[in-house]
């Protein structure tokens, strides 16, 4: 489960060879969630402000995330993505 980004206490991961649709996993303290990249459906619970920050980050990096998703499906090396500032 490679970490692809970290900001404001949020840690974002992709899993190797994970199920579709493309999504990311994130933790924030004791919270664990996943968010689908294409339609932003949230699975899990986290504070609304945290989900908003993750969605903002996904909006900025959607193409990069989808590219990394494809690499993860093939078990290839995954690079990190720039965090929110």
PDB file of N, CA and C in Angstrom:
ATOM      1  N   UNK A   1       0.853  -1.172   0.000  1.00  0.00           N
ATOM      2  CA  UNK A   1       0.000   0.000   0.000  1.00  0.00           C
ATOM      3  C   UNK A   1       0.899   1.235   0.000  1.00  0.00           C
ATOM      4  N   UNK A   2       1.300   1.708  -1.165  1.00  0.00           N
ATOM      5  CA  UNK A   2       2.196   2.863  -1.204  1.00  0.00           C
ATOM      6  C   UNK A   2       1.495   4.174  -0.864  1.00  0.00           C
ATOM      7  N   UNK A   3       2.185   4.964  -0.077  1.00  0.00           N
ATOM      8  CA  UNK A   3       1.721   6.316   0.228  1.00  0.00           C
ATOM      9  C   UNK A   3       2.025   7.191  -0.978  1.00  0.00           C
ATOM     10  N   UNK A   4       1.017   7.938  -1.448  1.00  0.00           N
ATOM     11  CA  UNK A   4       1.261   8.813  -2.598  1.00  0.00           C
ATOM     12  C   UNK A   4       1.265  10.289  -2.228  1.00  0.00           C
ATOM     13  N   UNK A   5       0.778  10.629  -1.031  1.00  0.00           N
ATOM     14  CA  UNK A   5       0.795  12.031  -0.621  1.00  0.00           C
ATOM     15  C   UNK A   5       0.485  12.142   0.869  1.00  0.00           C
ATOM     16  N   UNK A   6       0.931  13.273   1.428  1.00  0.00           N
ATOM     17  CA  UNK A   6       0.680  13.549   2.846  1.00  0.00           C
ATOM     18  C   UNK A   6       0.584  15.066   3.017  1.00  0.00           C
ATOM     19  N   UNK A   7      -0.496  15.531   3.646  1.00  0.00           N
ATOM     20  CA  UNK A   7      -0.660  16.966   3.919  1.00  0.00           C
ATOM     21  C   UNK A   7      -1.695  17.155   5.024  1.00  0.00           C
ATOM     22  N   UNK A   8      -1.501  18.161   5.841  1.00  0.00           N
ATOM     23  CA  UNK A   8      -2.431  18.533   6.916  1.00  0.00           C
ATOM     24  C   UNK A   8      -2.855  17.341   7.782  1.00  0.00           C
ATOM     25  N   UNK A   9      -1.966  16.390   7.995  1.00  0.00           N
ATOM     26  CA  UNK A   9      -2.276  15.211   8.800  1.00  0.00           C
ATOM     27  C   UNK A   9      -3.021  14.118   8.050  1.00  0.00           C
ATOM     28  N   UNK A  10      -3.260  14.332   6.763  1.00  0.00           N
ATOM     29  CA  UNK A  10      -3.957  13.361   5.913  1.00  0.00           C
ATOM     30  C   UNK A  10      -2.898  12.546   5.164  1.00  0.00           C
ATOM     31  N   UNK A  11      -3.036  11.233   5.183  1.00  0.00           N
ATOM     32  CA  UNK A  11      -2.110  10.357   4.458  1.00  0.00           C
ATOM     33  C   UNK A  11      -2.918   9.614   3.395  1.00  0.00           C
ATOM     34  N   UNK A  12      -2.478   9.733   2.142  1.00  0.00           N
ATOM     35  CA  UNK A  12      -3.214   9.165   1.012  1.00  0.00           C
ATOM     36  C   UNK A  12      -2.428   7.998   0.422  1.00  0.00           C
ATOM     37  N   UNK A  13      -3.156   6.903   0.151  1.00  0.00           N
ATOM     38  CA  UNK A  13      -2.560   5.655  -0.336  1.00  0.00           C
ATOM     39  C   UNK A  13      -3.277   5.152  -1.581  1.00  0.00           C
ATOM     40  N   UNK A  14      -2.588   4.328  -2.334  1.00  0.00           N
ATOM     41  CA  UNK A  14      -3.181   3.462  -3.355  1.00  0.00           C
ATOM     42  C   UNK A  14      -2.809   2.035  -2.976  1.00  0.00           C
ATOM     43  N   UNK A  15      -3.688   1.094  -3.249  1.00  0.00           N
ATOM     44  CA  UNK A  15      -3.370  -0.313  -3.035  1.00  0.00           C
ATOM     45  C   UNK A  15      -2.942  -0.928  -4.358  1.00  0.00           C
ATOM     46  N   UNK A  16      -2.035  -1.892  -4.298  1.00  0.00           N
ATOM     47  CA  UNK A  16      -1.638  -2.633  -5.486  1.00  0.00           C
ATOM     48  C   UNK A  16      -2.809  -3.486  -5.948  1.00  0.00           C
ATOM     49  N   UNK A  17      -3.067  -3.490  -7.243  1.00  0.00           N
ATOM     50  CA  UNK A  17      -4.064  -4.360  -7.879  1.00  0.00           C
ATOM     51  C   UNK A  17      -5.411  -4.331  -7.155  1.00  0.00           C
ATOM     52  N   UNK A  18      -5.863  -3.133  -6.821  1.00  0.00           N
ATOM     53  CA  UNK A  18      -7.122  -2.920  -6.105  1.00  0.00           C
ATOM     54  C   UNK A  18      -8.304  -3.034  -7.079  1.00  0.00           C
ATOM     55  N   UNK A  19      -9.497  -3.198  -6.533  1.00  0.00           N
ATOM     56  CA  UNK A  19     -10.719  -3.324  -7.331  1.00  0.00           C
ATOM     57  C   UNK A  19     -11.100  -1.979  -7.955  1.00  0.00           C
ATOM     58  N   UNK A  20     -11.842  -2.040  -9.052  1.00  0.00           N
ATOM     59  CA  UNK A  20     -12.398  -0.841  -9.680  1.00  0.00           C
ATOM     60  C   UNK A  20     -13.643  -0.409  -8.932  1.00  0.00           C
ATOM     61  N   UNK A  21     -14.097   0.829  -9.060  1.00  0.00           N
ATOM     62  CA  UNK A  21     -13.550   1.918  -9.862  1.00  0.00           C
ATOM     63  C   UNK A  21     -12.307   2.519  -9.201  1.00  0.00           C
ATOM     64  N   UNK A  22     -11.522   3.289  -9.963  1.00  0.00           N
ATOM     65  CA  UNK A  22     -10.324   3.914  -9.390  1.00  0.00           C
ATOM     66  C   UNK A  22     -10.673   4.752  -8.157  1.00  0.00           C
ATOM     67  N   UNK A  23      -9.911   4.542  -7.099  1.00  0.00           N
ATOM     68  CA  UNK A  23     -10.162   5.262  -5.853  1.00  0.00           C
ATOM     69  C   UNK A  23      -8.864   5.364  -5.064  1.00  0.00           C
ATOM     70  N   UNK A  24      -8.874   6.270  -4.103  1.00  0.00           N
ATOM     71  CA  UNK A  24      -7.752   6.417  -3.183  1.00  0.00           C
ATOM     72  C   UNK A  24      -8.235   6.084  -1.788  1.00  0.00           C
ATOM     73  N   UNK A  25      -7.316   5.727  -0.936  1.00  0.00           N
ATOM     74  CA  UNK A  25      -7.590   5.503   0.480  1.00  0.00           C
ATOM     75  C   UNK A  25      -6.870   6.595   1.250  1.00  0.00           C
ATOM     76  N   UNK A  26      -7.477   7.046   2.351  1.00  0.00           N
ATOM     77  CA  UNK A  26      -6.760   8.009   3.180  1.00  0.00           C
ATOM     78  C   UNK A  26      -7.068   7.789   4.648  1.00  0.00           C
ATOM     79  N   UNK A  27      -6.116   8.199   5.461  1.00  0.00           N
ATOM     80  CA  UNK A  27      -6.293   8.180   6.906  1.00  0.00           C
ATOM     81  C   UNK A  27      -6.091   9.592   7.428  1.00  0.00           C
ATOM     82  N   UNK A  28      -6.775   9.855   8.510  1.00  0.00           N
ATOM     83  CA  UNK A  28      -6.632  11.121   9.231  1.00  0.00           C
ATOM     84  C   UNK A  28      -6.887  10.778  10.694  1.00  0.00           C
ATOM     85  N   UNK A  29      -5.836  10.713  11.475  1.00  0.00           N
ATOM     86  CA  UNK A  29      -5.995  10.246  12.854  1.00  0.00           C
ATOM     87  C   UNK A  29      -6.546   8.830  12.849  1.00  0.00           C
ATOM     88  N   UNK A  30      -7.655   8.621  13.558  1.00  0.00           N
ATOM     89  CA  UNK A  30      -8.284   7.301  13.619  1.00  0.00           C
ATOM     90  C   UNK A  30      -9.270   7.052  12.479  1.00  0.00           C
ATOM     91  N   UNK A  31      -9.482   8.039  11.627  1.00  0.00           N
ATOM     92  CA  UNK A  31     -10.429   7.901  10.518  1.00  0.00           C
ATOM     93  C   UNK A  31      -9.769   7.217   9.328  1.00  0.00           C
ATOM     94  N   UNK A  32     -10.531   6.359   8.650  1.00  0.00           N
ATOM     95  CA  UNK A  32     -10.082   5.708   7.420  1.00  0.00           C
ATOM     96  C   UNK A  32     -11.211   5.785   6.407  1.00  0.00           C
ATOM     97  N   UNK A  33     -10.886   6.236   5.209  1.00  0.00           N
ATOM     98  CA  UNK A  33     -11.890   6.386   4.151  1.00  0.00           C
ATOM     99  C   UNK A  33     -11.290   6.035   2.810  1.00  0.00           C
ATOM    100  N   UNK A  34     -12.174   5.867   1.843  1.00  0.00           N
ATOM    101  CA  UNK A  34     -11.743   5.838   0.452  1.00  0.00           C
ATOM    102  C   UNK A  34     -12.669   6.767  -0.320  1.00  0.00           C
ATOM    103  N   UNK A  35     -12.138   7.321  -1.403  1.00  0.00           N
ATOM    104  CA  UNK A  35     -12.910   8.222  -2.260  1.00  0.00           C
ATOM    105  C   UNK A  35     -12.659   7.800  -3.700  1.00  0.00           C
ATOM    106  N   UNK A  36     -13.749   7.606  -4.447  1.00  0.00           N
ATOM    107  CA  UNK A  36     -13.581   7.273  -5.859  1.00  0.00           C
ATOM    108  C   UNK A  36     -13.113   8.517  -6.607  1.00  0.00           C
ATOM    109  N   UNK A  37     -12.190   8.315  -7.519  1.00  0.00           N
ATOM    110  CA  UNK A  37     -11.556   9.437  -8.208  1.00  0.00           C
ATOM    111  C   UNK A  37     -12.521  10.100  -9.189  1.00  0.00           C
ATOM    112  N   UNK A  38     -13.323   9.340  -9.881  1.00  0.00           N
ATOM    113  CA  UNK A  38     -14.148   9.901 -10.943  1.00  0.00           C
ATOM    114  C   UNK A  38     -15.439  10.535 -10.456  1.00  0.00           C
ATOM    115  N   UNK A  39     -16.062   9.998  -9.420  1.00  0.00           N
ATOM    116  CA  UNK A  39     -17.335  10.577  -8.970  1.00  0.00           C
ATOM    117  C   UNK A  39     -17.338  11.016  -7.509  1.00  0.00           C
ATOM    118  N   UNK A  40     -16.221  10.883  -6.835  1.00  0.00           N
ATOM    119  CA  UNK A  40     -16.000  11.379  -5.465  1.00  0.00           C
ATOM    120  C   UNK A  40     -16.923  10.746  -4.423  1.00  0.00           C
ATOM    121  N   UNK A  41     -17.355   9.517  -4.653  1.00  0.00           N
ATOM    122  CA  UNK A  41     -18.150   8.813  -3.649  1.00  0.00           C
ATOM    123  C   UNK A  41     -17.225   8.419  -2.500  1.00  0.00           C
ATOM    124  N   UNK A  42     -17.656   8.734  -1.281  1.00  0.00           N
ATOM    125  CA  UNK A  42     -16.863   8.479  -0.076  1.00  0.00           C
ATOM    126  C   UNK A  42     -17.352   7.199   0.583  1.00  0.00           C
ATOM    127  N   UNK A  43     -16.416   6.337   0.952  1.00  0.00           N
ATOM    128  CA  UNK A  43     -16.711   5.138   1.727  1.00  0.00           C
ATOM    129  C   UNK A  43     -15.959   5.275   3.042  1.00  0.00           C
ATOM    130  N   UNK A  44     -16.688   5.419   4.131  1.00  0.00           N
ATOM    131  CA  UNK A  44     -16.081   5.637   5.437  1.00  0.00           C
ATOM    132  C   UNK A  44     -16.480   7.001   5.971  1.00  0.00           C
ATOM    133  N   UNK A  45     -15.928   7.335   7.137  1.00  0.00           N
ATOM    134  CA  UNK A  45     -16.264   8.611   7.761  1.00  0.00           C
ATOM    135  C   UNK A  45     -15.005   9.359   8.150  1.00  0.00           C
ATOM    136  N   UNK A  46     -15.071  10.669   7.985  1.00  0.00           N
ATOM    137  CA  UNK A  46     -14.015  11.589   8.407  1.00  0.00           C
ATOM    138  C   UNK A  46     -14.674  12.953   8.525  1.00  0.00           C
ATOM    139  N   UNK A  47     -14.047  13.880   9.240  1.00  0.00           N
ATOM    140  CA  UNK A  47     -14.615  15.225   9.325  1.00  0.00           C
ATOM    141  C   UNK A  47     -14.820  15.827   7.927  1.00  0.00           C
ATOM    142  N   UNK A  48     -15.900  16.579   7.771  1.00  0.00           N
ATOM    143  CA  UNK A  48     -16.233  17.173   6.473  1.00  0.00           C
ATOM    144  C   UNK A  48     -15.094  18.021   5.924  1.00  0.00           C
ATOM    145  N   UNK A  49     -14.399  18.751   6.796  1.00  0.00           N
ATOM    146  CA  UNK A  49     -13.302  19.611   6.317  1.00  0.00           C
ATOM    147  C   UNK A  49     -12.160  18.770   5.741  1.00  0.00           C
ATOM    148  N   UNK A  50     -11.943  17.583   6.284  1.00  0.00           N
ATOM    149  CA  UNK A  50     -10.892  16.690   5.781  1.00  0.00           C
ATOM    150  C   UNK A  50     -11.296  16.132   4.416  1.00  0.00           C
ATOM    151  N   UNK A  51     -12.529  15.686   4.294  1.00  0.00           N
ATOM    152  CA  UNK A  51     -13.012  15.182   3.009  1.00  0.00           C
ATOM    153  C   UNK A  51     -12.942  16.288   1.958  1.00  0.00           C
ATOM    154  N   UNK A  52     -13.276  17.513   2.339  1.00  0.00           N
ATOM    155  CA  UNK A  52     -13.197  18.641   1.402  1.00  0.00           C
ATOM    156  C   UNK A  52     -11.764  18.866   0.932  1.00  0.00           C
ATOM    157  N   UNK A  53     -10.801  18.767   1.838  1.00  0.00           N
ATOM    158  CA  UNK A  53      -9.388  18.941   1.464  1.00  0.00           C
ATOM    159  C   UNK A  53      -8.933  17.823   0.525  1.00  0.00           C
ATOM    160  N   UNK A  54      -9.335  16.595   0.811  1.00  0.00           N
ATOM    161  CA  UNK A  54      -8.965  15.476  -0.058  1.00  0.00           C
ATOM    162  C   UNK A  54      -9.591  15.671  -1.441  1.00  0.00           C
ATOM    163  N   UNK A  55     -10.849  16.076  -1.490  1.00  0.00           N
ATOM    164  CA  UNK A  55     -11.497  16.324  -2.780  1.00  0.00           C
ATOM    165  C   UNK A  55     -10.816  17.457  -3.543  1.00  0.00           C
ATOM    166  N   UNK A  56     -10.401  18.500  -2.843  1.00  0.00           N
ATOM    167  CA  UNK A  56      -9.670  19.599  -3.480  1.00  0.00           C
ATOM    168  C   UNK A  56      -8.380  19.072  -4.109  1.00  0.00           C
ATOM    169  N   UNK A  57      -7.668  18.224  -3.362  1.00  0.00           N
ATOM    170  CA  UNK A  57      -6.421  17.635  -3.858  1.00  0.00           C
ATOM    171  C   UNK A  57      -6.694  16.746  -5.075  1.00  0.00           C
ATOM    172  N   UNK A  58      -7.751  15.930  -5.009  1.00  0.00           N
ATOM    173  CA  UNK A  58      -8.101  15.062  -6.138  1.00  0.00           C
ATOM    174  C   UNK A  58      -8.444  15.913  -7.363  1.00  0.00           C
ATOM    175  N   UNK A  59      -9.187  17.006  -7.171  1.00  0.00           N
ATOM    176  CA  UNK A  59      -9.515  17.895  -8.289  1.00  0.00           C
ATOM    177  C   UNK A  59      -8.251  18.394  -8.982  1.00  0.00           C
ATOM    178  N   UNK A  60      -7.246  18.746  -8.210  1.00  0.00           N
ATOM    179  CA  UNK A  60      -6.002  19.285  -8.760  1.00  0.00           C
ATOM    180  C   UNK A  60      -5.153  18.221  -9.458  1.00  0.00           C
ATOM    181  N   UNK A  61      -5.272  16.973  -9.022  1.00  0.00           N
ATOM    182  CA  UNK A  61      -4.349  15.927  -9.479  1.00  0.00           C
ATOM    183  C   UNK A  61      -5.043  14.706 -10.080  1.00  0.00           C
ATOM    184  N   UNK A  62      -6.264  14.866 -10.552  1.00  0.00           N
ATOM    185  CA  UNK A  62      -7.029  13.706 -11.031  1.00  0.00           C
ATOM    186  C   UNK A  62      -6.278  12.910 -12.102  1.00  0.00           C
ATOM    187  N   UNK A  63      -5.723  13.578 -13.094  1.00  0.00           N
ATOM    188  CA  UNK A  63      -5.022  12.866 -14.170  1.00  0.00           C
ATOM    189  C   UNK A  63      -3.820  12.090 -13.625  1.00  0.00           C
ATOM    190  N   UNK A  64      -3.081  12.694 -12.702  1.00  0.00           N
ATOM    191  CA  UNK A  64      -1.922  12.018 -12.101  1.00  0.00           C
ATOM    192  C   UNK A  64      -2.357  10.799 -11.298  1.00  0.00           C
ATOM    193  N   UNK A  65      -3.438  10.961 -10.536  1.00  0.00           N
ATOM    194  CA  UNK A  65      -3.943   9.855  -9.716  1.00  0.00           C
ATOM    195  C   UNK A  65      -4.362   8.689 -10.610  1.00  0.00           C
ATOM    196  N   UNK A  66      -5.074   8.993 -11.693  1.00  0.00           N
ATOM    197  CA  UNK A  66      -5.516   7.932 -12.599  1.00  0.00           C
ATOM    198  C   UNK A  66      -4.329   7.236 -13.262  1.00  0.00           C
ATOM    199  N   UNK A  67      -3.292   7.985 -13.565  1.00  0.00           N
ATOM    200  CA  UNK A  67      -2.077   7.387 -14.124  1.00  0.00           C
ATOM    201  C   UNK A  67      -1.421   6.445 -13.111  1.00  0.00           C
ATOM    202  N   UNK A  68      -1.345   6.891 -11.856  1.00  0.00           N
ATOM    203  CA  UNK A  68      -0.774   6.037 -10.811  1.00  0.00           C
ATOM    204  C   UNK A  68      -1.657   4.818 -10.560  1.00  0.00           C
ATOM    205  N   UNK A  69      -2.974   4.999 -10.657  1.00  0.00           N
ATOM    206  CA  UNK A  69      -3.902   3.874 -10.497  1.00  0.00           C
ATOM    207  C   UNK A  69      -3.563   2.770 -11.503  1.00  0.00           C
ATOM    208  N   UNK A  70      -3.363   3.176 -12.766  1.00  0.00           N
ATOM    209  CA  UNK A  70      -3.016   2.207 -13.810  1.00  0.00           C
ATOM    210  C   UNK A  70      -1.702   1.492 -13.480  1.00  0.00           C
ATOM    211  N   UNK A  71      -0.720   2.238 -13.003  1.00  0.00           N
ATOM    212  CA  UNK A  71       0.559   1.632 -12.621  1.00  0.00           C
ATOM    213  C   UNK A  71       0.368   0.652 -11.469  1.00  0.00           C
ATOM    214  N   UNK A  72      -0.448   1.037 -10.482  1.00  0.00           N
ATOM    215  CA  UNK A  72      -0.686   0.164  -9.326  1.00  0.00           C
ATOM    216  C   UNK A  72      -1.379  -1.126  -9.756  1.00  0.00           C
ATOM    217  N   UNK A  73      -2.268  -1.042 -10.740  1.00  0.00           N
ATOM    218  CA  UNK A  73      -2.959  -2.236 -11.232  1.00  0.00           C
ATOM    219  C   UNK A  73      -1.982  -3.225 -11.852  1.00  0.00           C
ATOM    220  N   UNK A  74      -0.887  -2.692 -12.384  1.00  0.00           N
ATOM    221  CA  UNK A  74       0.132  -3.535 -13.017  1.00  0.00           C
ATOM    222  C   UNK A  74       1.264  -3.896 -12.062  1.00  0.00           C
ATOM    223  N   UNK A  75       1.186  -3.390 -10.824  1.00  0.00           N
ATOM    224  CA  UNK A  75       2.237  -3.659  -9.847  1.00  0.00           C
ATOM    225  C   UNK A  75       3.511  -2.872 -10.103  1.00  0.00           C
ATOM    226  N   UNK A  76       3.402  -1.776 -10.852  1.00  0.00           N
ATOM    227  CA  UNK A  76       4.571  -0.958 -11.177  1.00  0.00           C
ATOM    228  C   UNK A  76       4.872   0.043 -10.063  1.00  0.00           C
ATOM    229  N   UNK A  77       6.054   0.626 -10.130  1.00  0.00           N
ATOM    230  CA  UNK A  77       6.471   1.625  -9.147  1.00  0.00           C
ATOM    231  C   UNK A  77       5.562   2.855  -9.235  1.00  0.00           C
ATOM    232  N   UNK A  78       5.237   3.399  -8.069  1.00  0.00           N
ATOM    233  CA  UNK A  78       4.357   4.563  -7.980  1.00  0.00           C
ATOM    234  C   UNK A  78       5.126   5.730  -7.373  1.00  0.00           C
ATOM    235  N   UNK A  79       5.005   6.878  -8.022  1.00  0.00           N
ATOM    236  CA  UNK A  79       5.642   8.089  -7.517  1.00  0.00           C
ATOM    237  C   UNK A  79       4.672   8.833  -6.596  1.00  0.00           C
ATOM    238  N   UNK A  80       5.217   9.753  -5.812  1.00  0.00           N
ATOM    239  CA  UNK A  80       4.375  10.592  -4.954  1.00  0.00           C
ATOM    240  C   UNK A  80       3.847  11.773  -5.762  1.00  0.00           C
ATOM    241  N   UNK A  81       2.744  12.329  -5.285  1.00  0.00           N
ATOM    242  CA  UNK A  81       2.103  13.490  -5.899  1.00  0.00           C
ATOM    243  C   UNK A  81       2.237  14.667  -4.939  1.00  0.00           C
ATOM    244  N   UNK A  82       2.383  15.851  -5.501  1.00  0.00           N
ATOM    245  CA  UNK A  82       2.530  17.092  -4.737  1.00  0.00           C
ATOM    246  C   UNK A  82       1.351  17.280  -3.763  1.00  0.00           C
ATOM    247  N   UNK A  83       1.628  17.662  -2.525  1.00  0.00           N
ATOM    248  CA  UNK A  83       0.553  17.880  -1.547  1.00  0.00           C
ATOM    249  C   UNK A  83      -0.117  19.243  -1.713  1.00  0.00           C
ATOM    250  N   UNK A  84      -1.254  19.413  -1.048  1.00  0.00           N
ATOM    251  CA  UNK A  84      -1.859  20.742  -0.923  1.00  0.00           C
ATOM    252  C   UNK A  84      -0.967  21.583  -0.033  1.00  0.00           C
ATOM    253  N   UNK A  85      -0.964  22.861  -0.279  1.00  0.00           N
ATOM    254  CA  UNK A  85      -0.161  23.769   0.555  1.00  0.00           C
ATOM    255  C   UNK A  85      -1.023  24.853   1.134  1.00  0.00           C
TER     256      UNK A  85
END
